[in-house]
Every structure is written in structure tokens, then in C-alpha cells.
Protein backbone atom coordinates (compact mmCIF):
# COMPACT_ATOMS: atom_id res chain seq x y z
CA MET A 1 -55.96 56.69 43.12
CA LEU A 2 -53.11 59.14 43.67
CA GLU A 3 -54.42 62.69 44.14
CA VAL A 4 -52.56 65.98 44.47
CA GLU A 5 -54.77 68.88 45.49
CA ASP A 6 -53.81 72.58 45.41
CA LEU A 7 -50.19 71.77 46.31
CA ARG A 8 -47.85 74.64 47.10
CA VAL A 9 -44.16 73.93 47.76
CA THR A 10 -41.25 76.21 48.62
CA TYR A 11 -37.50 75.72 49.00
CA GLY A 12 -35.72 77.42 51.86
CA GLY A 13 -38.98 79.15 52.70
CA ALA A 14 -38.42 81.56 49.82
CA VAL A 15 -38.38 79.98 46.36
CA GLU A 16 -41.88 78.89 45.33
CA ALA A 17 -41.59 75.77 43.17
CA LEU A 18 -45.24 74.67 42.99
CA ARG A 19 -48.13 77.11 43.03
CA GLY A 20 -51.38 75.31 43.68
CA VAL A 21 -50.88 72.19 41.54
CA THR A 22 -53.81 69.78 41.27
CA LEU A 23 -53.67 66.45 39.41
CA ALA A 24 -54.76 62.83 39.69
CA VAL A 25 -53.40 59.44 38.66
CA PRO A 26 -56.39 57.08 38.31
CA ASP A 27 -55.86 53.40 38.94
CA GLY A 28 -54.48 51.58 35.90
CA LYS A 29 -53.56 54.72 33.95
CA VAL A 30 -50.39 56.37 32.68
CA VAL A 31 -50.29 60.07 33.48
CA ALA A 32 -47.61 62.29 31.92
CA VAL A 33 -46.39 65.57 33.38
CA LEU A 34 -44.64 67.75 30.82
CA GLY A 35 -42.71 70.97 31.18
CA SER A 36 -39.36 72.63 30.69
CA ASN A 37 -36.52 72.74 33.21
CA GLY A 38 -37.60 74.59 36.33
CA ALA A 39 -41.30 73.98 35.76
CA GLY A 40 -41.63 72.02 39.01
CA LYS A 41 -41.82 68.46 37.68
CA THR A 42 -39.17 66.95 39.96
CA THR A 43 -40.52 68.88 42.95
CA LEU A 44 -43.91 67.29 42.31
CA LEU A 45 -42.39 63.80 42.49
CA ARG A 46 -40.43 64.70 45.61
CA ALA A 47 -43.66 65.75 47.29
CA VAL A 48 -45.38 62.50 46.33
CA SER A 49 -42.38 60.41 47.47
CA SER A 50 -42.13 62.41 50.71
CA VAL A 51 -38.45 63.29 50.19
CA LEU A 52 -38.89 67.06 49.97
CA ARG A 53 -37.26 67.72 53.32
CA LEU A 54 -34.08 66.00 52.11
CA HIS A 55 -33.84 68.78 49.50
CA ARG A 56 -34.78 71.65 51.88
CA GLY A 57 -38.27 71.73 50.42
CA ARG A 58 -41.51 72.23 52.33
CA VAL A 59 -45.20 71.81 51.59
CA GLU A 60 -46.84 75.11 52.47
CA SER A 61 -50.40 74.06 51.69
CA GLY A 62 -52.44 71.48 49.84
CA SER A 63 -52.58 67.69 50.05
CA VAL A 64 -51.15 64.52 48.54
CA THR A 65 -53.22 61.36 49.09
CA PHE A 66 -53.15 57.77 47.88
CA ASP A 67 -56.26 55.64 48.26
CA GLY A 68 -57.52 58.24 50.70
CA LYS A 69 -54.40 58.21 52.91
CA SER A 70 -52.28 61.33 53.26
CA LEU A 71 -48.65 60.99 52.15
CA LEU A 72 -47.51 64.29 53.64
CA GLY A 73 -45.19 63.94 56.60
CA LYS A 74 -44.68 60.22 56.10
CA ASP A 75 -41.25 58.64 56.05
CA PRO A 76 -40.22 57.78 52.45
CA SER A 77 -40.10 54.09 53.39
CA GLN A 78 -43.74 54.27 54.45
CA VAL A 79 -44.65 55.69 51.05
CA VAL A 80 -42.90 52.73 49.41
CA ASP A 81 -44.77 50.35 51.72
CA LEU A 82 -48.04 51.91 50.54
CA GLY A 83 -47.09 51.09 46.96
CA LEU A 84 -45.50 54.21 45.43
CA VAL A 85 -41.91 53.80 44.19
CA GLN A 86 -39.82 56.40 42.36
CA VAL A 87 -37.15 55.91 39.70
CA PRO A 88 -35.00 59.03 40.17
CA GLU A 89 -33.63 61.24 37.44
CA GLY A 90 -30.15 60.15 36.40
CA ARG A 91 -30.80 56.46 37.22
CA ARG A 92 -28.58 56.40 40.36
CA ILE A 93 -27.86 52.71 40.28
CA PHE A 94 -25.24 51.16 42.57
CA SER A 95 -22.48 51.01 39.99
CA ARG A 96 -20.07 48.84 42.01
CA LEU A 97 -22.71 46.20 42.70
CA THR A 98 -23.81 43.57 40.23
CA VAL A 99 -27.10 43.74 38.36
CA GLU A 100 -28.59 41.09 40.64
CA GLU A 101 -27.37 42.87 43.78
CA ASN A 102 -29.02 46.08 42.59
CA LEU A 103 -32.29 44.22 42.13
CA ARG A 104 -32.03 42.61 45.55
CA ALA A 105 -31.55 46.08 47.05
CA GLY A 106 -34.79 47.18 45.43
CA GLY A 107 -36.65 44.29 47.03
CA MET A 108 -35.21 44.61 50.54
CA GLY A 109 -38.53 45.76 51.98
CA ALA A 110 -40.38 42.64 50.84
CA ARG A 111 -40.54 39.85 53.43
CA ASP A 112 -42.16 37.20 51.25
CA LYS A 113 -39.38 35.25 49.52
CA SER A 114 -41.72 33.91 46.87
CA ALA A 115 -42.89 37.46 46.10
CA LYS A 116 -39.27 38.58 45.73
CA LYS A 117 -38.57 35.73 43.35
CA ALA A 118 -41.66 36.52 41.30
CA ALA A 119 -40.72 40.22 41.14
CA GLN A 120 -37.20 39.37 39.97
CA GLN A 121 -38.54 37.06 37.29
CA ARG A 122 -40.88 39.83 36.13
CA VAL A 123 -37.89 42.16 35.75
CA TYR A 124 -35.91 39.58 33.79
CA ASP A 125 -38.91 38.91 31.56
CA LEU A 126 -39.24 42.63 30.85
CA PHE A 127 -35.49 43.12 30.38
CA PRO A 128 -33.82 39.93 29.11
CA VAL A 129 -30.46 41.68 28.83
CA LEU A 130 -30.43 42.12 32.63
CA ALA A 131 -30.83 38.37 33.05
CA GLU A 132 -27.90 37.84 30.70
CA ARG A 133 -25.73 40.27 32.69
CA ARG A 134 -27.01 39.51 36.17
CA THR A 135 -23.51 38.79 37.55
CA GLY A 136 -21.81 41.75 35.87
CA ARG A 137 -21.13 45.10 37.52
CA ALA A 138 -23.92 47.60 36.95
CA GLY A 139 -21.46 50.39 36.19
CA LEU A 140 -20.36 48.58 33.03
CA LEU A 141 -23.86 48.65 31.50
CA SER A 142 -24.72 51.09 28.72
CA GLY A 143 -26.87 54.12 29.49
CA GLY A 144 -30.00 52.42 28.21
CA GLU A 145 -29.27 49.25 30.16
CA GLN A 146 -28.67 51.27 33.32
CA GLN A 147 -32.09 52.87 32.86
CA MET A 148 -33.58 49.39 32.52
CA LEU A 149 -31.88 48.41 35.77
CA ALA A 150 -33.17 51.52 37.57
CA ILE A 151 -36.73 50.70 36.48
CA GLY A 152 -36.25 47.04 37.34
CA ARG A 153 -34.94 47.88 40.80
CA ALA A 154 -38.10 49.93 41.46
CA LEU A 155 -40.31 47.09 40.21
CA MET A 156 -38.75 44.77 42.80
CA ALA A 157 -40.89 46.58 45.40
CA ALA A 158 -44.05 45.59 43.47
CA PRO A 159 -45.37 49.16 43.23
CA LYS A 160 -48.99 50.05 42.65
CA VAL A 161 -47.81 53.37 41.18
CA LEU A 162 -44.43 53.76 39.48
CA LEU A 163 -43.02 57.29 39.54
CA LEU A 164 -40.61 57.95 36.66
CA ASP A 165 -38.46 61.08 36.65
CA GLU A 166 -37.08 61.84 33.17
CA PRO A 167 -36.38 58.21 32.13
CA SER A 168 -35.36 59.31 28.62
CA LEU A 169 -32.70 61.75 29.81
CA GLY A 170 -29.43 61.38 27.89
CA LEU A 171 -30.61 58.46 25.74
CA ALA A 172 -30.67 58.12 21.96
CA PRO A 173 -34.03 58.51 20.18
CA ARG A 174 -34.25 54.80 19.37
CA ILE A 175 -33.77 53.88 23.04
CA ILE A 176 -36.28 56.53 24.12
CA GLY A 177 -38.88 54.87 21.93
CA GLN A 178 -38.12 51.53 23.57
CA ILE A 179 -38.47 53.12 27.01
CA GLY A 180 -41.98 54.10 25.92
CA GLU A 181 -42.75 50.50 24.98
CA ILE A 182 -41.57 49.30 28.39
CA ILE A 183 -43.75 51.86 30.19
CA HIS A 184 -46.73 50.69 28.15
CA GLU A 185 -46.02 47.04 29.06
CA ILE A 186 -45.57 47.79 32.77
CA ASN A 187 -48.91 49.57 32.75
CA ARG A 188 -50.55 46.73 30.81
CA GLN A 189 -49.45 44.42 33.62
CA GLY A 190 -51.44 46.49 36.11
CA THR A 191 -49.09 49.18 37.45
CA SER A 192 -50.18 52.81 37.28
CA VAL A 193 -47.48 55.24 36.11
CA LEU A 194 -46.78 58.89 36.82
CA LEU A 195 -44.30 59.90 34.12
CA VAL A 196 -42.39 63.17 34.39
CA GLU A 197 -40.78 63.97 31.04
CA GLN A 198 -39.33 66.69 28.85
CA ASN A 199 -39.63 64.41 25.82
CA ALA A 200 -43.26 65.13 25.00
CA THR A 201 -43.29 62.91 21.91
CA MET A 202 -42.67 59.73 23.88
CA ALA A 203 -44.70 60.78 26.92
CA LEU A 204 -47.85 61.62 24.97
CA GLU A 205 -47.57 58.40 22.97
CA VAL A 206 -47.80 56.21 26.08
CA ALA A 207 -49.95 58.35 28.39
CA ASP A 208 -53.69 58.28 28.89
CA LEU A 209 -53.80 61.70 30.56
CA ALA A 210 -51.35 64.58 30.56
CA TYR A 211 -50.62 67.76 32.46
CA VAL A 212 -48.34 70.61 31.41
CA LEU A 213 -46.50 72.48 34.16
CA ASP A 214 -45.39 76.03 33.54
CA VAL A 215 -43.44 77.79 36.30
CA GLY A 216 -45.04 75.74 39.05
CA GLU A 217 -48.60 75.83 37.75
CA VAL A 218 -50.75 73.55 35.60
CA SER A 219 -51.26 75.39 32.33
CA LEU A 220 -52.88 72.57 30.32
CA GLN A 221 -54.45 69.23 31.17
CA GLY A 222 -56.58 66.56 29.56
CA ASP A 223 -56.54 63.46 27.39
CA ALA A 224 -52.98 62.89 26.17
CA LYS A 225 -53.92 62.33 22.53
CA GLU A 226 -56.17 65.38 22.47
CA LEU A 227 -53.44 67.55 24.02
CA ALA A 228 -50.92 66.27 21.49
CA ALA A 229 -53.18 67.55 18.72
CA THR A 230 -53.52 71.09 20.09
CA ASP A 231 -51.64 73.93 18.43
CA GLU A 232 -50.07 75.03 21.71
CA VAL A 233 -48.56 71.64 22.53
CA GLN A 234 -47.54 71.09 18.91
CA LYS A 235 -45.70 74.39 18.90
CA LEU A 236 -44.11 74.30 22.35
CA TYR A 237 -43.42 70.64 23.02
CA LEU A 238 -43.64 68.46 19.93
CA GLY A 239 -40.80 68.69 17.43
CA HIS A 240 -41.20 67.36 13.92
CA GLY A 241 -37.58 66.59 13.07
CA SER A 242 -35.95 63.21 12.61
CA ASP A 243 -35.48 62.56 16.34
CA ALA A 244 -39.16 63.02 17.13
CA ASP A 245 -40.18 60.95 14.11
CA GLU A 246 -37.88 58.09 15.19
CA VAL A 247 -39.27 58.08 18.74
CA HIS A 248 -42.83 58.02 17.36
CA ALA A 249 -42.03 55.18 15.01
CA VAL A 250 -40.49 52.95 17.69
CA VAL A 251 -43.26 53.54 20.25
CA SER A 252 -45.99 52.95 17.68
CA THR A 253 -44.67 49.71 16.22
CA GLY A 254 -45.21 47.67 19.39
CA LYS A 255 -41.88 45.84 19.08
CA THR A 256 -41.43 42.87 21.37
CA LEU A 257 -39.48 43.41 24.55
CA SER A 258 -36.84 40.88 23.56
CA ARG A 259 -35.66 43.26 20.85
CA TRP A 260 -34.38 45.81 23.35
CA THR A 261 -30.91 46.66 22.06
CA ALA A 262 -29.67 49.37 24.39
């Protein structure tokens, strides 16, 4: 289990980004973290991934543990070795490399060749379009396909917990719904997911548990479906226009992965 306890984070020793955040990602669950820009969602993932210092951030107090082992102060590569892998906001693929080269980069830490091969096949099974375009340059993929590649690259490390930072950012509603289906399938295959999202419709559809961050603090938490039904979440985070309805429809239909049409 991934556990964050009373975490307080500052930037430059002055700006307080997290103010005593506590949450948990139980084994085998999808946990969504919702909130507006500046709520502290990305900072939370940076703390878990141990990359805060690269962004001039610092943990002032609290703890981050995975299976009882502290993640604070570890090198980011050690966090990956423990089984936590982040898909960053904005995808950040290697655009000049091919699809297959991007995937190989994601699996560089694995020494077992058979495990690498199995991980790559898993990615191609999840995202058939990547198999079709394996020799093409990643920068020529569509936005949705690039997001698939970013997730696939992370899966090459065979994570126990997949950390997703705004995977729906900049994508059309139909593609966002398909992202939700992929998250559900990855979790069904045994990978826990910590999903940071502004798109509450998709996040609450796929999550088991949810937390709402508000200016660095947890303002709401609980069962995702129960939170989705509350007046506060309905008013602040769940729209009822055509975009939200389309996302809900795609996530709920359980379309097969082969129908991904990014």
C-alpha cells in the first residue's frame, strides 16, 4: 500500500503547496485526486516520485511510504525500482525516437529480457495502434496516441502503482472516455493507480476511492461513487453538458480496447 501521512511541502522555502495531506492507495485500487489548478495535485505526485528537489520543492514534514518503506530522500530511480512509475503531465515522449524506441527506454531498468518482452507485448495488446506504428516517429502520433505511448512507456517498467498526472489534458471528450477504459483495464490486470485529474467525470467513473484537494489540503474524501453523488462535488466538479455526457457514455459502455481510435 502507498501511504501519504500529514505531508507538508514548500517551494523555495516560502510557498506552501501541501498542508498536511493524508491519503492512501490500497493494493489493487484506483484512487483519484481531484482539484483545480494550484490545488497541489502535481506536487503530491512529485513527492511520491521523489522528484521534488528537481523543482525546488522540499518536504517540511510528514511521510510517504510504500509497503512500509519510506520514499522520502530516495533517488527517483530507486522509487521506480520499488514499483512506482509516473506518467508526467504533458506526455513528454521522445518525439524524435520511434514508438518502439520510446518503449525500450521505459524498460531500460529491467534486466530480464523475457520480462521486457512480456511487458512490450502487454503494451501492444493494450494499444494495438502502437504495434501498428512501432517503427514510426513518436512525434508524428496524434495527441491521444502520444498519451497511449506515455502510458505504455511507464508500463514497460512493470509498475505495482501507476501514477498518472492529468492524462486527459488537451484531449477530446471521446478520447478522454477511452483513457478511462484503459485505466480500468490496467487496474483489472493487477496494477494499482493513483490518478491525478481535473476531469472529475472520467476520474470518478474509474476510481474506487477519491480525494479532493483544495489549496493544498484534503477537503473531501471517500468512495468515488458516493462522492460523485454529493451536492458539493456535483456543483464544483461535475458538469452536465454534452462533453461530460460523452465522457460518461464512453467510459460506461466498456468498449473493447481494439476500438481505440485516437
